[in-house]
Full PDB file with SEQRES, HELIX, SHEET, SSBOND, CRYST1, ORIGX, SCALE, CONECT and MASTER records, all heavy atoms in Angstrom:
SEQRES   1 A   41  ASP LYS LEU PHE ILE ASN ALA GLN HIS LEU LYS GLY THR          
SEQRES   2 A   41  THR TYR MET LEU THR VAL THR ASP MET MET GLY ARG VAL          
SEQRES   3 A   41  VAL TYR GLY THR SER GLY GLY GLY ARG VAL THR GLY GLY          
SEQRES   4 A   41  GLY TYR                                                      
SHEET    1 AA1 2 THR A  14  TYR A  15  0                                        
SHEET    2 AA1 2 GLY A  34  ARG A  35 -1                                        
SHEET    1 AA2 2 THR A  18  THR A  20  0                                        
SHEET    2 AA2 2 VAL A  26  GLY A  29 -1                                        
CRYST1    1.000    1.000    1.000  90.00  90.00  90.00 P 1           1          
ORIGX1      1.000000  0.000000  0.000000        0.00000                         
ORIGX2      0.000000  1.000000  0.000000        0.00000                         
ORIGX3      0.000000  0.000000  1.000000        0.00000                         
SCALE1      1.000000  0.000000  0.000000        0.00000                         
SCALE2      0.000000  1.000000  0.000000        0.00000                         
SCALE3      0.000000  0.000000  1.000000        0.00000                         
ATOM      1  N   ASP A   1       0.828  -1.203   0.000  1.00  0.00           N  
ATOM      2  CA  ASP A   1       0.000   0.000   0.000  1.00  0.00           C  
ATOM      3  C   ASP A   1       0.863   1.253   0.000  1.00  0.00           C  
ATOM      4  O   ASP A   1       0.591   2.231   0.685  1.00  0.00           O  
ATOM      5  CB  ASP A   1      -0.947   0.003   1.195  1.00  0.00           C  
ATOM      6  CG  ASP A   1      -2.312   0.582   0.856  1.00  0.00           C  
ATOM      7  OD1 ASP A   1      -2.546   0.906  -0.323  1.00  0.00           O  
ATOM      8  OD2 ASP A   1      -3.144   0.711   1.763  1.00  0.00           O  
ATOM      9  N   LYS A   2       1.948   1.202  -0.799  1.00  0.00           N  
ATOM     10  CA  LYS A   2       2.899   2.317  -0.889  1.00  0.00           C  
ATOM     11  C   LYS A   2       3.112   2.728  -2.336  1.00  0.00           C  
ATOM     12  O   LYS A   2       3.118   1.899  -3.238  1.00  0.00           O  
ATOM     13  CB  LYS A   2       4.239   1.936  -0.291  1.00  0.00           C  
ATOM     14  CG  LYS A   2       4.228   1.859   1.207  1.00  0.00           C  
ATOM     15  CD  LYS A   2       5.607   2.126   1.758  1.00  0.00           C  
ATOM     16  CE  LYS A   2       5.601   1.958   3.239  1.00  0.00           C  
ATOM     17  NZ  LYS A   2       5.449   3.199   3.930  1.00  0.00           N  
ATOM     18  N   LEU A   3       3.312   4.018  -2.501  1.00  0.00           N  
ATOM     19  CA  LEU A   3       3.683   4.590  -3.785  1.00  0.00           C  
ATOM     20  C   LEU A   3       5.132   5.014  -3.678  1.00  0.00           C  
ATOM     21  O   LEU A   3       5.501   5.753  -2.756  1.00  0.00           O  
ATOM     22  CB  LEU A   3       2.803   5.802  -4.101  1.00  0.00           C  
ATOM     23  CG  LEU A   3       3.109   6.564  -5.377  1.00  0.00           C  
ATOM     24  CD1 LEU A   3       2.853   5.687  -6.599  1.00  0.00           C  
ATOM     25  CD2 LEU A   3       2.278   7.825  -5.450  1.00  0.00           C  
ATOM     26  N   PHE A   4       5.967   4.522  -4.573  1.00  0.00           N  
ATOM     27  CA  PHE A   4       7.383   4.870  -4.594  1.00  0.00           C  
ATOM     28  C   PHE A   4       7.587   5.903  -5.694  1.00  0.00           C  
ATOM     29  O   PHE A   4       7.357   5.628  -6.861  1.00  0.00           O  
ATOM     30  CB  PHE A   4       8.243   3.628  -4.833  1.00  0.00           C  
ATOM     31  CG  PHE A   4       8.110   2.614  -3.733  1.00  0.00           C  
ATOM     32  CD1 PHE A   4       7.238   1.550  -3.846  1.00  0.00           C  
ATOM     33  CD2 PHE A   4       8.840   2.763  -2.562  1.00  0.00           C  
ATOM     34  CE1 PHE A   4       7.093   0.628  -2.820  1.00  0.00           C  
ATOM     35  CE2 PHE A   4       8.706   1.846  -1.531  1.00  0.00           C  
ATOM     36  CZ  PHE A   4       7.826   0.773  -1.658  1.00  0.00           C  
ATOM     37  N   ILE A   5       7.994   7.100  -5.307  1.00  0.00           N  
ATOM     38  CA  ILE A   5       8.146   8.218  -6.241  1.00  0.00           C  
ATOM     39  C   ILE A   5       9.629   8.505  -6.399  1.00  0.00           C  
ATOM     40  O   ILE A   5      10.324   8.756  -5.408  1.00  0.00           O  
ATOM     41  CB  ILE A   5       7.420   9.468  -5.701  1.00  0.00           C  
ATOM     42  CG1 ILE A   5       5.969   9.131  -5.378  1.00  0.00           C  
ATOM     43  CG2 ILE A   5       7.530  10.625  -6.689  1.00  0.00           C  
ATOM     44  CD1 ILE A   5       5.314  10.113  -4.449  1.00  0.00           C  
ATOM     45  N   ASN A   6      10.098   8.459  -7.628  1.00  0.00           N  
ATOM     46  CA  ASN A   6      11.503   8.735  -7.931  1.00  0.00           C  
ATOM     47  C   ASN A   6      11.584   9.614  -9.171  1.00  0.00           C  
ATOM     48  O   ASN A   6      10.906   9.357 -10.161  1.00  0.00           O  
ATOM     49  CB  ASN A   6      12.275   7.432  -8.197  1.00  0.00           C  
ATOM     50  CG  ASN A   6      12.324   6.543  -6.991  1.00  0.00           C  
ATOM     51  OD1 ASN A   6      12.923   6.885  -5.994  1.00  0.00           O  
ATOM     52  ND2 ASN A   6      11.667   5.397  -7.078  1.00  0.00           N  
ATOM     53  N   ALA A   7      12.410  10.635  -9.112  1.00  0.00           N  
ATOM     54  CA  ALA A   7      12.652  11.499 -10.271  1.00  0.00           C  
ATOM     55  C   ALA A   7      14.124  11.870 -10.278  1.00  0.00           C  
ATOM     56  O   ALA A   7      14.762  11.940  -9.230  1.00  0.00           O  
ATOM     57  CB  ALA A   7      11.790  12.752 -10.199  1.00  0.00           C  
ATOM     58  N   GLN A   8      14.642  12.067 -11.456  1.00  0.00           N  
ATOM     59  CA  GLN A   8      16.044  12.483 -11.563  1.00  0.00           C  
ATOM     60  C   GLN A   8      16.167  13.594 -12.587  1.00  0.00           C  
ATOM     61  O   GLN A   8      15.280  13.807 -13.397  1.00  0.00           O  
ATOM     62  CB  GLN A   8      16.934  11.310 -11.939  1.00  0.00           C  
ATOM     63  CG  GLN A   8      16.605  10.659 -13.263  1.00  0.00           C  
ATOM     64  CD  GLN A   8      17.483   9.453 -13.520  1.00  0.00           C  
ATOM     65  OE1 GLN A   8      18.432   9.202 -12.808  1.00  0.00           O  
ATOM     66  NE2 GLN A   8      17.164   8.703 -14.554  1.00  0.00           N  
ATOM     67  N   HIS A   9      17.253  14.308 -12.508  1.00  0.00           N  
ATOM     68  CA  HIS A   9      17.553  15.433 -13.410  1.00  0.00           C  
ATOM     69  C   HIS A   9      16.491  16.531 -13.329  1.00  0.00           C  
ATOM     70  O   HIS A   9      16.175  17.165 -14.329  1.00  0.00           O  
ATOM     71  CB  HIS A   9      17.722  14.956 -14.853  1.00  0.00           C  
ATOM     72  CG  HIS A   9      18.703  13.848 -15.013  1.00  0.00           C  
ATOM     73  ND1 HIS A   9      20.031  13.976 -14.707  1.00  0.00           N  
ATOM     74  CD2 HIS A   9      18.537  12.564 -15.413  1.00  0.00           C  
ATOM     75  CE1 HIS A   9      20.642  12.832 -14.933  1.00  0.00           C  
ATOM     76  NE2 HIS A   9      19.761  11.950 -15.344  1.00  0.00           N  
ATOM     77  N   LEU A  10      15.929  16.723 -12.129  1.00  0.00           N  
ATOM     78  CA  LEU A  10      14.955  17.794 -11.958  1.00  0.00           C  
ATOM     79  C   LEU A  10      15.631  19.147 -12.095  1.00  0.00           C  
ATOM     80  O   LEU A  10      16.760  19.336 -11.660  1.00  0.00           O  
ATOM     81  CB  LEU A  10      14.290  17.708 -10.583  1.00  0.00           C  
ATOM     82  CG  LEU A  10      13.310  16.569 -10.383  1.00  0.00           C  
ATOM     83  CD1 LEU A  10      12.860  16.528  -8.927  1.00  0.00           C  
ATOM     84  CD2 LEU A  10      12.124  16.710 -11.295  1.00  0.00           C  
ATOM     85  N   LYS A  11      14.920  20.068 -12.696  1.00  0.00           N  
ATOM     86  CA  LYS A  11      15.404  21.440 -12.829  1.00  0.00           C  
ATOM     87  C   LYS A  11      14.798  22.244 -11.697  1.00  0.00           C  
ATOM     88  O   LYS A  11      13.598  22.417 -11.621  1.00  0.00           O  
ATOM     89  CB  LYS A  11      14.988  22.003 -14.179  1.00  0.00           C  
ATOM     90  CG  LYS A  11      15.561  21.238 -15.346  1.00  0.00           C  
ATOM     91  CD  LYS A  11      14.994  21.765 -16.649  1.00  0.00           C  
ATOM     92  CE  LYS A  11      15.517  20.930 -17.795  1.00  0.00           C  
ATOM     93  NZ  LYS A  11      14.459  20.234 -18.494  1.00  0.00           N  
ATOM     94  N   GLY A  12      15.618  22.690 -10.791  1.00  0.00           N  
ATOM     95  CA  GLY A  12      15.140  23.437  -9.629  1.00  0.00           C  
ATOM     96  C   GLY A  12      15.701  22.826  -8.363  1.00  0.00           C  
ATOM     97  O   GLY A  12      16.173  21.693  -8.358  1.00  0.00           O  
ATOM     98  N   THR A  13      15.635  23.571  -7.278  1.00  0.00           N  
ATOM     99  CA  THR A  13      16.220  23.098  -6.029  1.00  0.00           C  
ATOM    100  C   THR A  13      15.173  22.748  -4.975  1.00  0.00           C  
ATOM    101  O   THR A  13      15.496  22.146  -3.972  1.00  0.00           O  
ATOM    102  CB  THR A  13      17.173  24.168  -5.449  1.00  0.00           C  
ATOM    103  OG1 THR A  13      16.450  25.384  -5.285  1.00  0.00           O  
ATOM    104  CG2 THR A  13      18.361  24.383  -6.366  1.00  0.00           C  
ATOM    105  N   THR A  14      13.930  23.153  -5.177  1.00  0.00           N  
ATOM    106  CA  THR A  14      12.852  22.808  -4.250  1.00  0.00           C  
ATOM    107  C   THR A  14      11.694  22.193  -5.034  1.00  0.00           C  
ATOM    108  O   THR A  14      11.577  22.387  -6.241  1.00  0.00           O  
ATOM    109  CB  THR A  14      12.342  24.038  -3.477  1.00  0.00           C  
ATOM    110  OG1 THR A  14      11.844  24.995  -4.403  1.00  0.00           O  
ATOM    111  CG2 THR A  14      13.444  24.653  -2.635  1.00  0.00           C  
ATOM    112  N   TYR A  15      10.839  21.455  -4.327  1.00  0.00           N  
ATOM    113  CA  TYR A  15       9.719  20.810  -4.988  1.00  0.00           C  
ATOM    114  C   TYR A  15       8.463  20.926  -4.137  1.00  0.00           C  
ATOM    115  O   TYR A  15       8.511  21.139  -2.934  1.00  0.00           O  
ATOM    116  CB  TYR A  15       9.997  19.332  -5.239  1.00  0.00           C  
ATOM    117  CG  TYR A  15       9.999  18.510  -3.967  1.00  0.00           C  
ATOM    118  CD1 TYR A  15       8.829  17.964  -3.478  1.00  0.00           C  
ATOM    119  CD2 TYR A  15      11.163  18.327  -3.244  1.00  0.00           C  
ATOM    120  CE1 TYR A  15       8.824  17.242  -2.286  1.00  0.00           C  
ATOM    121  CE2 TYR A  15      11.166  17.612  -2.064  1.00  0.00           C  
ATOM    122  CZ  TYR A  15       9.992  17.068  -1.601  1.00  0.00           C  
ATOM    123  OH  TYR A  15       9.990  16.359  -0.423  1.00  0.00           O  
ATOM    124  N   MET A  16       7.332  20.736  -4.782  1.00  0.00           N  
ATOM    125  CA  MET A  16       6.039  20.540  -4.135  1.00  0.00           C  
ATOM    126  C   MET A  16       5.499  19.240  -4.710  1.00  0.00           C  
ATOM    127  O   MET A  16       5.652  18.979  -5.907  1.00  0.00           O  
ATOM    128  CB  MET A  16       5.069  21.680  -4.464  1.00  0.00           C  
ATOM    129  CG  MET A  16       5.483  23.019  -3.901  1.00  0.00           C  
ATOM    130  SD  MET A  16       5.382  23.134  -2.121  1.00  0.00           S  
ATOM    131  CE  MET A  16       3.636  23.104  -1.872  1.00  0.00           C  
ATOM    132  N   LEU A  17       4.875  18.425  -3.878  1.00  0.00           N  
ATOM    133  CA  LEU A  17       4.309  17.164  -4.329  1.00  0.00           C  
ATOM    134  C   LEU A  17       2.818  17.156  -4.013  1.00  0.00           C  
ATOM    135  O   LEU A  17       2.426  17.502  -2.901  1.00  0.00           O  
ATOM    136  CB  LEU A  17       4.980  15.990  -3.611  1.00  0.00           C  
ATOM    137  CG  LEU A  17       4.424  14.644  -4.050  1.00  0.00           C  
ATOM    138  CD1 LEU A  17       5.458  13.903  -4.862  1.00  0.00           C  
ATOM    139  CD2 LEU A  17       3.974  13.829  -2.881  1.00  0.00           C  
ATOM    140  N   THR A  18       2.002  16.788  -5.005  1.00  0.00           N  
ATOM    141  CA  THR A  18       0.566  16.661  -4.789  1.00  0.00           C  
ATOM    142  C   THR A  18       0.075  15.354  -5.398  1.00  0.00           C  
ATOM    143  O   THR A  18       0.630  14.874  -6.391  1.00  0.00           O  
ATOM    144  CB  THR A  18      -0.239  17.817  -5.412  1.00  0.00           C  
ATOM    145  OG1 THR A  18       0.056  17.910  -6.797  1.00  0.00           O  
ATOM    146  CG2 THR A  18       0.056  19.140  -4.740  1.00  0.00           C  
ATOM    147  N   VAL A  19      -0.956  14.798  -4.790  1.00  0.00           N  
ATOM    148  CA  VAL A  19      -1.662  13.651  -5.344  1.00  0.00           C  
ATOM    149  C   VAL A  19      -3.125  14.061  -5.443  1.00  0.00           C  
ATOM    150  O   VAL A  19      -3.717  14.511  -4.453  1.00  0.00           O  
ATOM    151  CB  VAL A  19      -1.525  12.398  -4.443  1.00  0.00           C  
ATOM    152  CG1 VAL A  19      -2.313  11.236  -5.037  1.00  0.00           C  
ATOM    153  CG2 VAL A  19      -0.059  12.012  -4.281  1.00  0.00           C  
ATOM    154  N   THR A  20      -3.691  13.949  -6.638  1.00  0.00           N  
ATOM    155  CA  THR A  20      -5.086  14.316  -6.861  1.00  0.00           C  
ATOM    156  C   THR A  20      -5.857  13.106  -7.361  1.00  0.00           C  
ATOM    157  O   THR A  20      -5.304  12.241  -8.049  1.00  0.00           O  
ATOM    158  CB  THR A  20      -5.221  15.460  -7.880  1.00  0.00           C  
ATOM    159  OG1 THR A  20      -4.566  15.097  -9.095  1.00  0.00           O  
ATOM    160  CG2 THR A  20      -4.611  16.747  -7.364  1.00  0.00           C  
ATOM    161  N   ASP A  21      -7.152  13.067  -7.017  1.00  0.00           N  
ATOM    162  CA  ASP A  21      -7.992  12.013  -7.568  1.00  0.00           C  
ATOM    163  C   ASP A  21      -8.472  12.453  -8.948  1.00  0.00           C  
ATOM    164  O   ASP A  21      -8.159  13.557  -9.407  1.00  0.00           O  
ATOM    165  CB  ASP A  21      -9.144  11.662  -6.618  1.00  0.00           C  
ATOM    166  CG  ASP A  21     -10.130  12.802  -6.383  1.00  0.00           C  
ATOM    167  OD1 ASP A  21     -10.138  13.793  -7.155  1.00  0.00           O  
ATOM    168  OD2 ASP A  21     -10.901  12.711  -5.414  1.00  0.00           O  
ATOM    169  N   MET A  22      -9.232  11.624  -9.604  1.00  0.00           N  
ATOM    170  CA  MET A  22      -9.638  11.935 -10.978  1.00  0.00           C  
ATOM    171  C   MET A  22     -10.681  13.053 -11.050  1.00  0.00           C  
ATOM    172  O   MET A  22     -10.974  13.567 -12.118  1.00  0.00           O  
ATOM    173  CB  MET A  22     -10.154  10.674 -11.679  1.00  0.00           C  
ATOM    174  CG  MET A  22      -9.056   9.628 -11.883  1.00  0.00           C  
ATOM    175  SD  MET A  22      -7.519  10.280 -12.606  1.00  0.00           S  
ATOM    176  CE  MET A  22      -8.030  10.670 -14.252  1.00  0.00           C  
ATOM    177  N   MET A  23     -11.212  13.471  -9.907  1.00  0.00           N  
ATOM    178  CA  MET A  23     -12.135  14.604  -9.860  1.00  0.00           C  
ATOM    179  C   MET A  23     -11.381  15.911  -9.620  1.00  0.00           C  
ATOM    180  O   MET A  23     -11.987  16.970  -9.517  1.00  0.00           O  
ATOM    181  CB  MET A  23     -13.189  14.388  -8.767  1.00  0.00           C  
ATOM    182  CG  MET A  23     -14.019  13.135  -8.984  1.00  0.00           C  
ATOM    183  SD  MET A  23     -14.915  13.137 -10.537  1.00  0.00           S  
ATOM    184  CE  MET A  23     -16.177  14.318 -10.185  1.00  0.00           C  
ATOM    185  N   GLY A  24     -10.037  15.814  -9.486  1.00  0.00           N  
ATOM    186  CA  GLY A  24      -9.222  17.000  -9.283  1.00  0.00           C  
ATOM    187  C   GLY A  24      -9.054  17.409  -7.831  1.00  0.00           C  
ATOM    188  O   GLY A  24      -8.460  18.449  -7.542  1.00  0.00           O  
ATOM    189  N   ARG A  25      -9.563  16.599  -6.894  1.00  0.00           N  
ATOM    190  CA  ARG A  25      -9.419  16.909  -5.469  1.00  0.00           C  
ATOM    191  C   ARG A  25      -8.032  16.486  -4.990  1.00  0.00           C  
ATOM    192  O   ARG A  25      -7.581  15.384  -5.289  1.00  0.00           O  
ATOM    193  CB  ARG A  25     -10.483  16.179  -4.658  1.00  0.00           C  
ATOM    194  CG  ARG A  25     -11.889  16.647  -4.955  1.00  0.00           C  
ATOM    195  CD  ARG A  25     -12.881  15.845  -4.156  1.00  0.00           C  
ATOM    196  NE  ARG A  25     -12.863  14.460  -4.618  1.00  0.00           N  
ATOM    197  CZ  ARG A  25     -13.930  13.759  -4.972  1.00  0.00           C  
ATOM    198  NH1 ARG A  25     -15.124  14.310  -4.910  1.00  0.00           N  
ATOM    199  NH2 ARG A  25     -13.824  12.513  -5.377  1.00  0.00           N  
ATOM    200  N   VAL A  26      -7.375  17.357  -4.240  1.00  0.00           N  
ATOM    201  CA  VAL A  26      -6.066  17.040  -3.683  1.00  0.00           C  
ATOM    202  C   VAL A  26      -6.274  16.124  -2.483  1.00  0.00           C  
ATOM    203  O   VAL A  26      -6.948  16.493  -1.520  1.00  0.00           O  
ATOM    204  CB  VAL A  26      -5.303  18.318  -3.268  1.00  0.00           C  
ATOM    205  CG1 VAL A  26      -3.994  17.966  -2.585  1.00  0.00           C  
ATOM    206  CG2 VAL A  26      -5.052  19.209  -4.481  1.00  0.00           C  
ATOM    207  N   VAL A  27      -5.697  14.910  -2.549  1.00  0.00           N  
ATOM    208  CA  VAL A  27      -5.808  13.956  -1.445  1.00  0.00           C  
ATOM    209  C   VAL A  27      -4.521  13.909  -0.626  1.00  0.00           C  
ATOM    210  O   VAL A  27      -4.503  13.386   0.475  1.00  0.00           O  
ATOM    211  CB  VAL A  27      -6.185  12.540  -1.944  1.00  0.00           C  
ATOM    212  CG1 VAL A  27      -7.567  12.553  -2.575  1.00  0.00           C  
ATOM    213  CG2 VAL A  27      -5.154  12.003  -2.915  1.00  0.00           C  
ATOM    214  N   TYR A  28      -3.452  14.453  -1.173  1.00  0.00           N  
ATOM    215  CA  TYR A  28      -2.187  14.569  -0.450  1.00  0.00           C  
ATOM    216  C   TYR A  28      -1.409  15.724  -1.049  1.00  0.00           C  
ATOM    217  O   TYR A  28      -1.390  15.915  -2.271  1.00  0.00           O  
ATOM    218  CB  TYR A  28      -1.351  13.284  -0.574  1.00  0.00           C  
ATOM    219  CG  TYR A  28      -0.012  13.414   0.110  1.00  0.00           C  
ATOM    220  CD1 TYR A  28       0.113  13.149   1.461  1.00  0.00           C  
ATOM    221  CD2 TYR A  28       1.112  13.841  -0.588  1.00  0.00           C  
ATOM    222  CE1 TYR A  28       1.341  13.292   2.106  1.00  0.00           C  
ATOM    223  CE2 TYR A  28       2.338  13.990   0.050  1.00  0.00           C  
ATOM    224  CZ  TYR A  28       2.437  13.714   1.388  1.00  0.00           C  
ATOM    225  OH  TYR A  28       3.641  13.870   2.023  1.00  0.00           O  
ATOM    226  N   GLY A  29      -0.757  16.488  -0.209  1.00  0.00           N  
ATOM    227  CA  GLY A  29       0.078  17.571  -0.694  1.00  0.00           C  
ATOM    228  C   GLY A  29       1.103  17.956   0.354  1.00  0.00           C  
ATOM    229  O   GLY A  29       0.814  17.892   1.552  1.00  0.00           O  
ATOM    230  N   THR A  30       2.282  18.317  -0.091  1.00  0.00           N  
ATOM    231  CA  THR A  30       3.293  18.808   0.843  1.00  0.00           C  
ATOM    232  C   THR A  30       2.918  20.227   1.224  1.00  0.00           C  
ATOM    233  O   THR A  30       2.483  21.014   0.384  1.00  0.00           O  
ATOM    234  CB  THR A  30       4.700  18.765   0.223  1.00  0.00           C  
ATOM    235  OG1 THR A  30       4.698  19.493  -1.010  1.00  0.00           O  
ATOM    236  CG2 THR A  30       5.159  17.344  -0.030  1.00  0.00           C  
ATOM    237  N   SER A  31       3.077  20.558   2.482  1.00  0.00           N  
ATOM    238  CA  SER A  31       2.661  21.873   2.959  1.00  0.00           C  
ATOM    239  C   SER A  31       3.686  22.952   2.633  1.00  0.00           C  
ATOM    240  O   SER A  31       3.345  24.083   2.373  1.00  0.00           O  
ATOM    241  CB  SER A  31       2.408  21.838   4.465  1.00  0.00           C  
ATOM    242  OG  SER A  31       3.565  21.405   5.140  1.00  0.00           O  
ATOM    243  N   GLY A  32       4.944  22.586   2.641  1.00  0.00           N  
ATOM    244  CA  GLY A  32       5.999  23.526   2.269  1.00  0.00           C  
ATOM    245  C   GLY A  32       6.772  22.921   1.114  1.00  0.00           C  
ATOM    246  O   GLY A  32       6.400  21.898   0.583  1.00  0.00           O  
ATOM    247  N   GLY A  33       7.790  23.529   0.722  1.00  0.00           N  
ATOM    248  CA  GLY A  33       8.626  22.950  -0.328  1.00  0.00           C  
ATOM    249  C   GLY A  33       9.697  22.059   0.274  1.00  0.00           C  
ATOM    250  O   GLY A  33      10.204  22.330   1.343  1.00  0.00           O  
ATOM    251  N   GLY A  34       9.992  20.983  -0.371  1.00  0.00           N  
ATOM    252  CA  GLY A  34      11.093  20.127   0.045  1.00  0.00           C  
ATOM    253  C   GLY A  34      12.302  20.413  -0.817  1.00  0.00           C  
ATOM    254  O   GLY A  34      12.201  21.064  -1.849  1.00  0.00           O  
ATOM    255  N   ARG A  35      13.432  19.922  -0.423  1.00  0.00           N  
ATOM    256  CA  ARG A  35      14.668  20.159  -1.162  1.00  0.00           C  
ATOM    257  C   ARG A  35      14.931  19.018  -2.128  1.00  0.00           C  
ATOM    258  O   ARG A  35      14.774  17.858  -1.777  1.00  0.00           O  
ATOM    259  CB  ARG A  35      15.852  20.272  -0.217  1.00  0.00           C  
ATOM    260  CG  ARG A  35      15.751  21.375   0.821  1.00  0.00           C  
ATOM    261  CD  ARG A  35      15.948  22.762   0.358  1.00  0.00           C  
ATOM    262  NE  ARG A  35      17.209  22.983  -0.317  1.00  0.00           N  
ATOM    263  CZ  ARG A  35      17.441  24.031  -1.077  1.00  0.00           C  
ATOM    264  NH1 ARG A  35      16.517  24.939  -1.251  1.00  0.00           N  
ATOM    265  NH2 ARG A  35      18.595  24.193  -1.663  1.00  0.00           N  
ATOM    266  N   VAL A  36      15.344  19.352  -3.335  1.00  0.00           N  
ATOM    267  CA  VAL A  36      15.820  18.383  -4.320  1.00  0.00           C  
ATOM    268  C   VAL A  36      17.297  18.182  -4.040  1.00  0.00           C  
ATOM    269  O   VAL A  36      18.034  19.148  -3.841  1.00  0.00           O  
ATOM    270  CB  VAL A  36      15.604  18.905  -5.757  1.00  0.00           C  
ATOM    271  CG1 VAL A  36      16.206  17.965  -6.777  1.00  0.00           C  
ATOM    272  CG2 VAL A  36      14.118  19.115  -6.035  1.00  0.00           C  
ATOM    273  N   THR A  37      17.757  16.933  -3.993  1.00  0.00           N  
ATOM    274  CA  THR A  37      19.158  16.667  -3.678  1.00  0.00           C  
ATOM    275  C   THR A  37      20.058  17.042  -4.853  1.00  0.00           C  
ATOM    276  O   THR A  37      19.581  17.255  -5.968  1.00  0.00           O  
ATOM    277  CB  THR A  37      19.381  15.182  -3.328  1.00  0.00           C  
ATOM    278  OG1 THR A  37      19.051  14.386  -4.468  1.00  0.00           O  
ATOM    279  CG2 THR A  37      18.550  14.771  -2.139  1.00  0.00           C  
ATOM    280  N   GLY A  38      21.372  17.093  -4.599  1.00  0.00           N  
ATOM    281  CA  GLY A  38      22.347  17.407  -5.639  1.00  0.00           C  
ATOM    282  C   GLY A  38      22.171  16.494  -6.839  1.00  0.00           C  
ATOM    283  O   GLY A  38      21.871  15.316  -6.706  1.00  0.00           O  
ATOM    284  N   GLY A  39      22.299  17.042  -8.018  1.00  0.00           N  
ATOM    285  CA  GLY A  39      22.104  16.275  -9.245  1.00  0.00           C  
ATOM    286  C   GLY A  39      20.651  16.202  -9.674  1.00  0.00           C  
ATOM    287  O   GLY A  39      20.314  15.558 -10.656  1.00  0.00           O  
ATOM    288  N   GLY A  40      19.750  16.855  -8.931  1.00  0.00           N  
ATOM    289  CA  GLY A  40      18.347  16.892  -9.322  1.00  0.00           C  
ATOM    290  C   GLY A  40      17.568  15.640  -8.992  1.00  0.00           C  
ATOM    291  O   GLY A  40      16.599  15.318  -9.670  1.00  0.00           O  
ATOM    292  N   TYR A  41      17.936  14.934  -7.932  1.00  0.00           N  
ATOM    293  CA  TYR A  41      17.244  13.702  -7.566  1.00  0.00           C  
ATOM    294  C   TYR A  41      16.186  13.951  -6.495  1.00  0.00           C  
ATOM    295  O   TYR A  41      16.373  14.732  -5.581  1.00  0.00           O  
ATOM    296  CB  TYR A  41      18.238  12.656  -7.051  1.00  0.00           C  
ATOM    297  CG  TYR A  41      19.146  12.157  -8.124  1.00  0.00           C  
ATOM    298  CD1 TYR A  41      20.422  12.682  -8.267  1.00  0.00           C  
ATOM    299  CD2 TYR A  41      18.745  11.166  -9.006  1.00  0.00           C  
ATOM    300  CE1 TYR A  41      21.269  12.245  -9.266  1.00  0.00           C  
ATOM    301  CE2 TYR A  41      19.579  10.727 -10.009  1.00  0.00           C  
ATOM    302  CZ  TYR A  41      20.839  11.265 -10.134  1.00  0.00           C  
ATOM    303  OH  TYR A  41      21.660  10.831 -11.128  1.00  0.00           O  
TER     304      TYR A  41                                                      
MASTER        0    0    0    0    4    0    0    6  303    1    0    4          
END                                                                             
């Protein structure tokens, strides 16, 4: 019951993450920005 999220070569140093259902409702969202690690990971 886990979602594994991985991205690389991101452009930018901070991120926001959201999960929406198909009706467009946000069911999960980060409240602040998180940091992207060196190399854009």
